[in-house]
Amino acid sequence: MGHPEHLDVLIVGAGISGIGAAHYLQQHHPDRRYAILEARAATGGTWDLFRYPGIRSDSDLHTFGYEFKPWRDEHAIATADKILAYLRETASENGIDEKVRFHHKVLRAAWSSSDGRWIVDIERTDTGEVVQISANWLFCAGGYYRYDEGFTPNFEGRERFEGQIVHPQHWPEGLDYTGRKVVVIGSGATAVTLVPAMAETAGHVTMLQRSPTYIMSVPSKDRFANAVKRLLGDERGYALARRKNIVKQRCVYQFCQNYPAVARRLIRRLNAKQLPAGYPVDEHFSPSYNPWDQRLCAVPDSDLFAAISNGSASVVTDRIATFTETGIRLESGRELDADIIVTATGLNMQAFGGMSLTVDGWPVHLPDTVAYKGMMLSGVPNFAYAVGYTNSSWTLKIGLLCEHFCRLLAHMDAHGYDTARPERDDPDMETRPFMDFSAGYVQRAVAQLPRQGAGHPWMTSMSYHTDVKLLRDDSVINPHLTLTSSAGVHASTGAVQE
């Protein structure tokens, strides 16, 4: 292939994390050469991929947006088109869009310690050609799920159904459900978004769930945020609203974790107030697990409860026995008629876009690695990744770890190092799953993912305030991070001062 093109940093993924990483890299290291590789034909990641009705954020945009770019729209819970416009405006304003290479899917990456660089094999998804790029650093910003395939369980009798079956991740363009009977299988964020959106024009929408999920109504507009932006201007108003919502998110999460019985009763009471008198709240909206053991679903302006109350939507809690020619037969014997069945049954997790890694010829087996500061992997040099929070806004963590990454690069430049490798000093260290989350999509994939430890720097924090200290305030130097130069100069990391 000849000598591959060489870059300082190769960012994989042009969604919210990749665009954010590029901004921080340009801001703190403007002389570094980088590119963003995107397997698809457009920027925006999740917000360009999903096209199902009603798609929106389930976090407020004052925390889901970037710290460096104010969210100016009056809606704090925003639809995908607004989020996508915000992301693309960010990329355009900073010249980031010019660094994106579309139809570039990373297949594998091989690290050479003697050269101090990665050789990356990339498939051109538009031509089938395989090209190579070498890079000092790989920054994986591809999220944690497969873009080409959602999760659908095996449904008995599926082939008998004479209507249309749709997965939200592959929504058909122009699907007409006006006046038709729709069954949405699922009870997570996608299902509770789809049901009220489709109920506006469908004949009737039924949300069929195996078990309930915690659902909370939130206002789509943040009156405090909109007021302080009018008073203080976009920049300062956004910063203040962001701080307020960070505290609010943390307080809600900690309250649910510390007082689960009280939180359960409170959520039930709020749900009951928004549903018709006598509605079986316990049957359909009282999960078996505690609040925030799985992600809590937000519904803007009570839209799901409103659709149930006006009769355009309903909830059924039961198990599927079989699909039939005309719908679904449940284990209770009840039959649900359907013209369209939507399988909002979840995601397939995939670590690092499915790329394979080798270090000096040795394959990296992800379950044998441990996450370092929630952004690198033990034994894998010059490899960083972006995975955000599961219990609050994803982007809050992305900003912090991008800052830390840029500070690490600056420290290495100042001391003449070009290689950073997290190292476990105790091979028998106790570990636990990469994501301590009971959601089905996590549990299905946990055995294929890296692990995390019980304490810093090996624990993946899910607390913004903890990460502010760890990633923003604390030194990049750590006894578990070995810094060297490819010429063989070794750093005693614990002894060097930043």
Protein backbone atom coordinates (compact mmCIF):
# COMPACT_ATOMS: atom_id res chain seq x y z
CA MET A 1 0.00 0.00 0.00
CA GLY A 2 2.98 2.31 0.25
CA HIS A 3 3.46 4.67 3.17
CA PRO A 4 0.12 5.49 4.78
CA GLU A 5 -0.93 9.06 5.51
CA HIS A 6 0.11 10.04 9.04
CA LEU A 7 -1.95 12.09 11.50
CA ASP A 8 -1.44 13.08 15.12
CA VAL A 9 -4.95 12.10 16.25
CA LEU A 10 -7.54 9.98 14.48
CA ILE A 11 -11.07 10.51 15.83
CA VAL A 12 -13.54 7.73 15.03
CA GLY A 13 -17.16 8.90 14.78
CA ALA A 14 -18.70 12.23 13.76
CA GLY A 15 -21.55 12.34 16.26
CA ILE A 16 -21.92 14.47 19.39
CA SER A 17 -18.77 12.99 21.00
CA GLY A 18 -16.54 13.19 17.91
CA ILE A 19 -17.49 16.79 17.11
CA GLY A 20 -16.89 17.70 20.75
CA ALA A 21 -13.49 15.96 20.79
CA ALA A 22 -12.47 17.80 17.63
CA HIS A 23 -13.42 21.16 19.15
CA TYR A 24 -11.33 20.60 22.28
CA LEU A 25 -8.40 19.31 20.24
CA GLN A 26 -8.46 22.34 17.95
CA GLN A 27 -8.80 24.72 20.89
CA HIS A 28 -5.95 23.30 22.97
CA HIS A 29 -3.71 21.84 20.25
CA PRO A 30 -4.31 23.85 17.07
CA ASP A 31 -1.13 22.57 15.41
CA ARG A 32 -2.03 18.90 15.71
CA ARG A 33 -3.14 17.21 12.52
CA TYR A 34 -6.33 15.22 12.88
CA ALA A 35 -9.23 13.77 10.95
CA ILE A 36 -12.63 12.37 11.88
CA LEU A 37 -13.57 9.06 10.27
CA GLU A 38 -17.32 8.49 9.83
CA ALA A 39 -18.65 5.20 8.48
CA ARG A 40 -21.91 6.77 7.37
CA ALA A 41 -22.55 9.58 4.87
CA ALA A 42 -23.48 12.31 7.35
CA THR A 43 -22.49 13.91 10.64
CA GLY A 44 -24.68 13.79 13.73
CA GLY A 45 -24.45 10.14 14.78
CA THR A 46 -27.56 9.05 16.67
CA TRP A 47 -29.41 12.23 15.76
CA ASP A 48 -29.00 11.59 12.04
CA LEU A 49 -29.45 7.81 12.19
CA PHE A 50 -32.80 7.61 13.96
CA ARG A 51 -35.79 8.85 11.95
CA TYR A 52 -38.75 7.50 13.91
CA PRO A 53 -41.69 9.78 14.82
CA GLY A 54 -41.20 12.11 17.77
CA ILE A 55 -37.50 11.36 18.29
CA ARG A 56 -36.10 13.75 20.89
CA SER A 57 -33.61 14.03 23.70
CA ASP A 58 -34.37 12.54 27.08
CA SER A 59 -31.98 14.97 28.78
CA ASP A 60 -32.24 18.75 28.88
CA LEU A 61 -30.16 20.47 26.22
CA HIS A 62 -28.52 22.82 28.72
CA THR A 63 -26.54 19.82 29.97
CA PHE A 64 -26.75 17.64 26.85
CA GLY A 65 -25.36 20.53 24.79
CA TYR A 66 -21.68 21.46 24.80
CA GLU A 67 -20.32 23.63 27.60
CA PHE A 68 -18.65 25.86 25.00
CA LYS A 69 -21.73 26.45 22.81
CA PRO A 70 -24.99 27.81 24.29
CA TRP A 71 -28.27 26.08 23.49
CA ARG A 72 -30.44 28.95 22.26
CA ASP A 73 -33.76 27.26 21.51
CA GLU A 74 -36.58 27.77 24.03
CA HIS A 75 -37.20 24.02 24.27
CA ALA A 76 -34.96 22.25 26.77
CA ILE A 77 -36.22 18.81 25.68
CA ALA A 78 -35.64 19.07 21.95
CA THR A 79 -36.48 17.13 18.81
CA ALA A 80 -33.78 15.44 16.74
CA ASP A 81 -33.90 18.02 13.93
CA LYS A 82 -33.01 20.81 16.37
CA ILE A 83 -30.23 18.79 17.99
CA LEU A 84 -28.84 17.86 14.58
CA ALA A 85 -28.87 21.52 13.47
CA TYR A 86 -27.02 22.46 16.69
CA LEU A 87 -24.35 19.79 16.13
CA ARG A 88 -23.83 20.72 12.48
CA GLU A 89 -23.68 24.42 13.33
CA THR A 90 -20.97 23.60 15.90
CA ALA A 91 -19.01 21.66 13.28
CA SER A 92 -19.41 24.38 10.64
CA GLU A 93 -18.50 27.29 12.92
CA ASN A 94 -15.26 25.61 13.94
CA GLY A 95 -14.26 24.18 10.56
CA ILE A 96 -14.69 20.69 11.99
CA ASP A 97 -16.91 19.56 9.11
CA GLU A 98 -13.92 19.98 6.77
CA LYS A 99 -12.03 17.35 8.77
CA VAL A 100 -14.69 14.64 8.41
CA ARG A 101 -14.08 11.76 6.00
CA PHE A 102 -17.33 10.03 5.20
CA HIS A 103 -17.79 6.35 4.30
CA HIS A 104 -14.67 5.49 6.34
CA LYS A 105 -15.27 2.52 8.64
CA VAL A 106 -12.41 1.44 10.90
CA LEU A 107 -11.88 -2.32 10.72
CA ARG A 108 -8.78 -2.82 12.83
CA ALA A 109 -5.87 -0.94 14.37
CA ALA A 110 -2.38 -2.25 15.16
CA TRP A 111 -0.09 -0.50 17.66
CA SER A 112 3.69 -0.60 17.22
CA SER A 113 5.69 0.35 20.31
CA SER A 114 8.90 0.75 18.30
CA ASP A 115 7.24 3.28 15.98
CA GLY A 116 5.01 4.85 18.63
CA ARG A 117 1.96 4.81 16.36
CA TRP A 118 -1.14 3.00 15.22
CA ILE A 119 -1.64 1.59 11.74
CA VAL A 120 -5.36 1.69 11.04
CA ASP A 121 -7.14 -0.34 8.35
CA ILE A 122 -10.21 1.46 7.04
CA GLU A 123 -12.92 0.23 4.69
CA ARG A 124 -14.35 2.73 2.24
CA THR A 125 -18.02 1.80 2.59
CA ASP A 126 -18.83 3.53 -0.71
CA THR A 127 -16.22 1.71 -2.83
CA GLY A 128 -15.20 -1.35 -0.79
CA GLU A 129 -11.54 -0.25 -0.95
CA VAL A 130 -9.38 -0.75 2.16
CA VAL A 131 -7.02 2.13 2.98
CA GLN A 132 -4.51 2.73 5.78
CA ILE A 133 -3.78 5.72 7.98
CA SER A 134 -1.16 5.88 10.71
CA ALA A 135 -1.75 7.95 13.84
CA ASN A 136 -0.08 8.68 17.15
CA TRP A 137 -3.43 8.54 18.94
CA LEU A 138 -6.78 6.87 18.37
CA PHE A 139 -9.78 8.59 19.93
CA CYS A 140 -12.90 6.43 19.64
CA ALA A 141 -16.06 8.55 19.74
CA GLY A 142 -18.47 6.05 18.24
CA GLY A 143 -20.77 5.54 21.23
CA TYR A 144 -21.63 2.07 22.46
CA TYR A 145 -24.22 0.56 20.16
CA ARG A 146 -24.36 -0.91 16.67
CA TYR A 147 -25.63 1.51 14.04
CA ASP A 148 -26.39 -1.20 11.48
CA GLU A 149 -28.50 -3.47 13.67
CA GLY A 150 -30.96 -2.95 16.52
CA PHE A 151 -31.97 -5.68 18.95
CA THR A 152 -35.07 -7.76 18.20
CA PRO A 153 -35.84 -10.88 20.23
CA ASN A 154 -37.10 -14.00 18.52
CA PHE A 155 -40.89 -13.70 18.36
CA GLU A 156 -42.82 -16.92 17.84
CA GLY A 157 -44.92 -16.77 14.67
CA ARG A 158 -43.36 -13.56 13.39
CA GLU A 159 -43.49 -14.82 9.79
CA ARG A 160 -47.27 -15.30 10.04
CA PHE A 161 -48.03 -11.61 10.59
CA GLU A 162 -49.53 -10.11 7.44
CA GLY A 163 -48.96 -6.48 8.39
CA GLN A 164 -45.71 -4.52 8.59
CA ILE A 165 -43.01 -5.02 11.24
CA VAL A 166 -40.68 -2.06 11.85
CA HIS A 167 -37.65 -1.56 14.09
CA PRO A 168 -37.20 2.11 15.13
CA GLN A 169 -33.52 2.00 14.17
CA HIS A 170 -34.55 1.29 10.57
CA TRP A 171 -37.67 3.42 10.18
CA PRO A 172 -39.01 3.28 6.60
CA GLU A 173 -39.19 6.65 4.91
CA GLY A 174 -42.77 7.72 4.33
CA LEU A 175 -44.38 5.02 6.49
CA ASP A 176 -48.10 5.93 6.59
CA TYR A 177 -49.82 4.87 9.79
CA THR A 178 -52.77 7.27 9.53
CA GLY A 179 -55.87 5.64 10.96
CA ARG A 180 -54.12 2.31 11.46
CA LYS A 181 -53.83 0.06 14.50
CA VAL A 182 -50.27 0.09 15.85
CA VAL A 183 -48.67 -2.04 18.56
CA VAL A 184 -45.35 -0.77 19.93
CA ILE A 185 -43.45 -3.53 21.75
CA GLY A 186 -41.27 -2.06 24.49
CA SER A 187 -41.35 0.28 27.46
CA GLY A 188 -38.08 2.21 27.22
CA ALA A 189 -37.24 5.69 25.98
CA THR A 190 -37.94 4.84 22.34
CA ALA A 191 -41.36 3.32 23.05
CA VAL A 192 -42.54 6.18 25.26
CA THR A 193 -41.47 8.61 22.53
CA LEU A 194 -43.14 6.71 19.69
CA VAL A 195 -46.50 6.09 21.33
CA PRO A 196 -47.72 9.70 21.79
CA ALA A 197 -46.15 10.81 18.50
CA MET A 198 -47.90 8.09 16.48
CA ALA A 199 -51.14 8.40 18.46
CA GLU A 200 -51.71 11.86 16.98
CA THR A 201 -52.70 10.35 13.60
CA ALA A 202 -52.91 6.57 14.06
CA GLY A 203 -56.25 4.85 14.65
CA HIS A 204 -54.95 3.58 18.01
CA VAL A 205 -51.50 2.85 19.49
CA THR A 206 -50.92 0.16 22.09
CA MET A 207 -47.70 0.06 24.09
CA LEU A 208 -47.13 -3.61 24.86
CA GLN A 209 -44.64 -4.10 27.67
CA ARG A 210 -43.38 -7.20 29.40
CA SER A 211 -42.77 -5.16 32.57
CA PRO A 212 -43.16 -1.48 33.52
CA THR A 213 -40.54 1.28 33.42
CA TYR A 214 -40.29 4.37 35.61
CA ILE A 215 -41.68 7.32 33.67
CA MET A 216 -41.59 10.95 34.75
CA SER A 217 -43.18 13.96 33.11
CA VAL A 218 -40.86 16.93 32.58
CA PRO A 219 -41.59 20.34 31.05
CA SER A 220 -40.31 20.67 27.49
CA LYS A 221 -39.38 24.30 28.24
CA ASP A 222 -37.16 25.29 31.14
CA ARG A 223 -38.70 28.54 32.42
CA PHE A 224 -35.70 29.35 34.59
CA ALA A 225 -33.27 28.84 31.71
CA ASN A 226 -35.30 30.95 29.30
CA ALA A 227 -35.67 33.73 31.90
CA VAL A 228 -31.97 33.94 32.80
CA LYS A 229 -30.97 33.91 29.11
CA ARG A 230 -33.26 36.91 28.56
CA LEU A 231 -31.81 38.68 31.59
CA LEU A 232 -28.12 37.78 31.28
CA GLY A 233 -27.70 36.94 27.59
CA ASP A 234 -27.14 33.59 25.94
CA GLU A 235 -23.63 32.91 27.22
CA ARG A 236 -24.08 33.67 30.92
CA GLY A 237 -27.71 32.54 31.02
CA TYR A 238 -26.80 29.20 29.46
CA ALA A 239 -23.92 28.70 31.91
CA LEU A 240 -26.20 29.39 34.89
CA ALA A 241 -28.99 27.12 33.60
CA ARG A 242 -26.44 24.40 32.96
CA ARG A 243 -25.12 24.59 36.54
CA LYS A 244 -28.65 24.51 37.92
CA ASN A 245 -29.59 21.44 35.87
CA ILE A 246 -26.37 19.59 36.75
CA VAL A 247 -27.25 19.99 40.44
CA LYS A 248 -30.88 19.05 39.82
CA GLN A 249 -29.95 15.85 37.94
CA ARG A 250 -27.57 14.79 40.67
CA CYS A 251 -30.08 15.49 43.44
CA VAL A 252 -32.81 13.46 41.73
CA TYR A 253 -30.44 10.55 41.15
CA GLN A 254 -29.08 10.55 44.71
CA PHE A 255 -32.56 10.88 46.19
CA CYS A 256 -33.73 7.84 44.19
CA GLN A 257 -30.66 5.83 45.18
CA ASN A 258 -30.75 6.77 48.87
CA TYR A 259 -34.52 6.70 49.43
CA PRO A 260 -35.87 4.25 46.82
CA ALA A 261 -39.14 3.50 48.65
CA VAL A 262 -39.99 7.18 49.00
CA ALA A 263 -38.98 7.88 45.39
CA ARG A 264 -41.14 4.99 44.19
CA ARG A 265 -44.19 6.33 46.05
CA LEU A 266 -43.59 9.86 44.79
CA ILE A 267 -43.27 8.79 41.15
CA ARG A 268 -46.40 6.66 41.46
CA ARG A 269 -48.35 9.59 42.93
CA LEU A 270 -47.24 11.91 40.11
CA ASN A 271 -48.15 9.28 37.48
CA ALA A 272 -51.59 8.69 39.03
CA LYS A 273 -52.38 12.43 38.99
CA GLN A 274 -51.86 12.49 35.21
CA LEU A 275 -53.94 9.39 34.41
CA PRO A 276 -57.70 8.84 34.43
CA ALA A 277 -59.39 8.09 37.75
CA GLY A 278 -59.22 4.39 38.56
CA TYR A 279 -56.43 3.70 36.06
CA PRO A 280 -54.39 0.58 37.04
CA VAL A 281 -51.20 2.49 37.83
CA ASP A 282 -49.54 -0.36 39.70
CA GLU A 283 -50.05 -2.79 36.83
CA HIS A 284 -48.58 -0.57 34.12
CA PHE A 285 -46.29 1.97 35.85
CA SER A 286 -44.79 0.30 38.94
CA PRO A 287 -41.56 -1.53 38.04
CA SER A 288 -40.12 -4.38 40.09
CA TYR A 289 -36.74 -2.60 40.43
CA ASN A 290 -35.87 0.60 42.29
CA PRO A 291 -35.82 4.04 40.64
CA TRP A 292 -32.60 4.69 38.67
CA ASP A 293 -31.45 1.06 38.78
CA GLN A 294 -32.27 1.55 35.11
CA ARG A 295 -32.53 4.84 33.27
CA LEU A 296 -35.63 6.81 34.17
CA CYS A 297 -37.72 7.72 31.09
CA ALA A 298 -38.72 11.35 30.68
CA VAL A 299 -41.87 12.35 28.80
CA PRO A 300 -42.13 16.05 27.87
CA ASP A 301 -45.29 17.85 28.98
CA SER A 302 -46.95 14.56 29.98
CA ASP A 303 -47.52 13.64 26.32
CA LEU A 304 -47.70 9.88 26.96
CA PHE A 305 -50.17 10.31 29.83
CA ALA A 306 -52.24 12.70 27.72
CA ALA A 307 -52.48 10.15 24.89
CA ILE A 308 -53.59 7.47 27.35
CA SER A 309 -56.13 9.84 28.93
CA ASN A 310 -57.73 10.86 25.63
CA GLY A 311 -57.99 7.25 24.47
CA SER A 312 -55.65 7.46 21.47
CA ALA A 313 -53.13 5.19 23.21
CA SER A 314 -53.21 2.42 25.76
CA VAL A 315 -50.76 0.27 27.74
CA VAL A 316 -50.87 -3.51 28.01
CA THR A 317 -48.55 -5.37 30.41
CA ASP A 318 -48.28 -8.99 29.37
CA ARG A 319 -46.02 -11.47 27.59
CA ILE A 320 -46.18 -12.41 23.94
CA ALA A 321 -47.26 -15.98 23.18
CA THR A 322 -47.13 -15.65 19.40
CA PHE A 323 -47.60 -13.31 16.49
CA THR A 324 -50.71 -14.16 14.46
CA GLU A 325 -51.84 -13.21 10.97
CA THR A 326 -53.63 -10.14 12.36
CA GLY A 327 -51.59 -9.15 15.39
CA ILE A 328 -50.30 -10.60 18.65
CA ARG A 329 -51.70 -13.26 21.00
CA LEU A 330 -50.63 -12.76 24.60
CA GLU A 331 -49.94 -15.37 27.26
CA SER A 332 -53.11 -14.26 29.03
CA GLY A 333 -55.05 -15.31 25.92
CA ARG A 334 -55.87 -11.75 24.93
CA GLU A 335 -55.37 -10.79 21.26
CA LEU A 336 -54.09 -7.42 20.06
CA ASP A 337 -55.05 -6.54 16.50
CA ALA A 338 -52.41 -4.64 14.55
CA ASP A 339 -51.74 -3.30 11.09
CA ILE A 340 -48.20 -2.29 12.09
CA ILE A 341 -45.99 -3.75 14.83
CA VAL A 342 -43.05 -1.63 16.01
CA THR A 343 -40.32 -3.58 17.82
CA ALA A 344 -38.91 -0.91 20.16
CA THR A 345 -36.97 -3.66 21.86
CA GLY A 346 -33.61 -2.01 22.30
CA LEU A 347 -30.06 -1.65 21.08
CA ASN A 348 -27.21 -4.01 20.39
CA MET A 349 -24.15 -2.79 22.25
CA GLN A 350 -20.85 -2.71 20.42
CA ALA A 351 -17.55 -1.59 21.87
CA PHE A 352 -15.51 0.92 19.87
CA GLY A 353 -17.45 0.58 16.64
CA GLY A 354 -16.56 -3.09 16.35
CA MET A 355 -12.90 -2.43 15.51
CA SER A 356 -10.31 -4.99 16.58
CA LEU A 357 -7.08 -3.91 18.27
CA THR A 358 -3.61 -5.42 18.50
CA VAL A 359 -0.63 -4.21 20.54
CA ASP A 360 2.76 -5.28 19.17
CA GLY A 361 1.10 -8.19 17.41
CA TRP A 362 -0.95 -9.37 20.40
CA PRO A 363 -4.76 -9.18 20.04
CA VAL A 364 -6.51 -7.05 22.65
CA HIS A 365 -9.24 -9.10 24.34
CA LEU A 366 -11.51 -6.40 25.73
CA PRO A 367 -12.83 -8.35 28.76
CA ASP A 368 -9.20 -8.67 29.92
CA THR A 369 -8.75 -4.90 29.96
CA VAL A 370 -9.79 -2.47 32.69
CA ALA A 371 -11.01 1.06 32.07
CA TYR A 372 -8.61 3.80 33.24
CA LYS A 373 -10.35 7.03 34.34
CA GLY A 374 -13.28 5.97 32.17
CA MET A 375 -11.39 6.96 29.02
CA MET A 376 -8.45 4.58 28.33
CA LEU A 377 -7.79 0.83 28.58
CA SER A 378 -5.15 -1.01 30.61
CA GLY A 379 -2.29 -2.26 28.46
CA VAL A 380 -3.44 -0.32 25.37
CA PRO A 381 -1.21 2.68 24.52
CA ASN A 382 -2.42 5.97 23.06
CA PHE A 383 -6.04 4.87 22.84
CA ALA A 384 -8.82 7.02 24.30
CA TYR A 385 -12.57 6.65 24.07
CA ALA A 386 -15.66 8.69 24.81
CA VAL A 387 -18.51 7.07 26.75
CA GLY A 388 -20.80 9.42 28.65
CA TYR A 389 -23.10 9.10 31.63
CA THR A 390 -26.02 6.71 31.87
CA ASN A 391 -27.58 8.50 34.86
CA SER A 392 -27.46 12.07 33.53
CA SER A 393 -26.58 13.90 30.32
CA TRP A 394 -24.13 11.99 28.12
CA THR A 395 -22.24 15.10 27.05
CA LEU A 396 -21.34 16.25 30.55
CA LYS A 397 -18.73 13.52 30.76
CA ILE A 398 -17.57 13.89 27.17
CA GLY A 399 -16.46 17.47 27.79
CA LEU A 400 -14.51 16.54 30.93
CA LEU A 401 -12.67 13.61 29.40
CA CYS A 402 -11.81 15.65 26.27
CA GLU A 403 -10.32 18.32 28.53
CA HIS A 404 -8.29 15.68 30.37
CA PHE A 405 -7.12 14.16 27.09
CA CYS A 406 -5.88 17.55 25.88
CA ARG A 407 -4.10 18.21 29.20
CA LEU A 408 -2.40 14.82 28.92
CA LEU A 409 -1.17 15.66 25.42
CA ALA A 410 0.20 19.00 26.67
CA HIS A 411 2.04 17.30 29.55
CA MET A 412 3.55 14.72 27.21
CA ASP A 413 4.68 17.45 24.81
CA ALA A 414 6.30 19.39 27.64
CA HIS A 415 8.29 16.37 28.85
CA GLY A 416 9.13 14.73 25.54
CA TYR A 417 6.89 11.69 25.84
CA ASP A 418 4.90 10.26 22.95
CA THR A 419 3.37 7.12 24.50
CA ALA A 420 0.89 6.78 27.37
CA ARG A 421 -0.07 3.32 28.58
CA PRO A 422 -2.28 2.58 31.61
CA GLU A 423 -0.85 -0.40 33.54
CA ARG A 424 -2.46 -2.57 36.20
CA ASP A 425 0.00 -3.33 38.99
CA ASP A 426 -2.26 -5.99 40.50
CA PRO A 427 -3.40 -8.66 38.02
CA ASP A 428 -5.77 -10.01 40.69
CA MET A 429 -7.47 -6.64 41.23
CA GLU A 430 -11.19 -7.02 41.82
CA THR A 431 -13.19 -5.89 38.81
CA ARG A 432 -16.83 -5.39 37.94
CA PRO A 433 -18.81 -4.77 34.73
CA PHE A 434 -17.90 -1.85 32.46
CA MET A 435 -21.43 -0.48 32.98
CA ASP A 436 -23.07 -1.21 36.34
CA PHE A 437 -26.54 -0.94 34.86
CA SER A 438 -29.34 -3.52 34.86
CA ALA A 439 -30.81 -2.50 31.50
CA GLY A 440 -31.24 -5.41 29.10
CA TYR A 441 -29.01 -3.99 26.37
CA VAL A 442 -26.14 -3.76 28.87
CA GLN A 443 -26.67 -7.20 30.36
CA ARG A 444 -26.74 -8.86 26.92
CA ALA A 445 -23.28 -7.52 26.06
CA VAL A 446 -21.49 -7.23 29.39
CA ALA A 447 -19.28 -10.30 28.80
CA GLN A 448 -17.81 -8.77 25.63
CA LEU A 449 -16.91 -5.40 27.19
CA PRO A 450 -13.90 -4.16 29.19
CA ARG A 451 -14.14 -4.21 33.00
CA GLN A 452 -13.78 -1.51 35.64
CA GLY A 453 -12.22 -1.57 39.06
CA ALA A 454 -13.56 -0.75 42.51
CA GLY A 455 -11.54 2.44 43.04
CA HIS A 456 -9.82 5.28 41.18
CA PRO A 457 -8.32 5.43 38.61
CA TRP A 458 -9.91 2.13 37.53
CA MET A 459 -13.48 2.97 38.50
CA THR A 460 -15.70 4.52 35.82
CA SER A 461 -17.39 7.33 37.67
CA MET A 462 -21.03 8.18 36.97
CA SER A 463 -20.84 11.39 39.01
CA TYR A 464 -20.16 14.71 37.29
CA HIS A 465 -18.83 16.28 40.50
CA THR A 466 -16.46 13.37 41.08
CA ASP A 467 -15.23 13.64 37.49
CA VAL A 468 -14.70 17.40 37.74
CA LYS A 469 -12.14 16.64 40.44
CA LEU A 470 -10.64 13.60 38.69
CA LEU A 471 -10.56 14.81 35.09
CA ARG A 472 -10.48 18.62 35.34
CA ASP A 473 -8.76 19.45 38.61
CA ASP A 474 -6.43 16.53 39.37
CA SER A 475 -3.07 16.03 37.66
CA VAL A 476 -2.86 13.93 34.51
CA ILE A 477 0.08 12.18 36.18
CA ASN A 478 -0.80 8.90 37.84
CA PRO A 479 1.28 5.98 39.13
CA HIS A 480 -0.80 3.67 36.92
CA LEU A 481 -0.09 5.64 33.72
CA THR A 482 3.32 4.94 32.21
CA LEU A 483 4.68 7.66 29.93
CA THR A 484 7.56 6.88 27.57
CA SER A 485 9.07 8.03 24.32
CA SER A 486 9.36 5.64 21.41
CA ALA A 487 13.10 6.28 21.61
CA GLY A 488 13.00 4.37 24.91
CA VAL A 489 13.03 7.17 27.51
CA HIS A 490 10.94 6.07 30.50
CA ALA A 491 8.99 8.30 32.82
CA SER A 492 8.50 7.56 36.50
CA THR A 493 5.00 8.96 36.37
CA GLY A 494 4.44 9.30 40.09
CA ALA A 495 7.56 11.44 40.52
CA VAL A 496 7.17 13.96 37.72
CA GLN A 497 5.42 17.20 38.52
CA GLU A 498 3.10 18.80 36.03
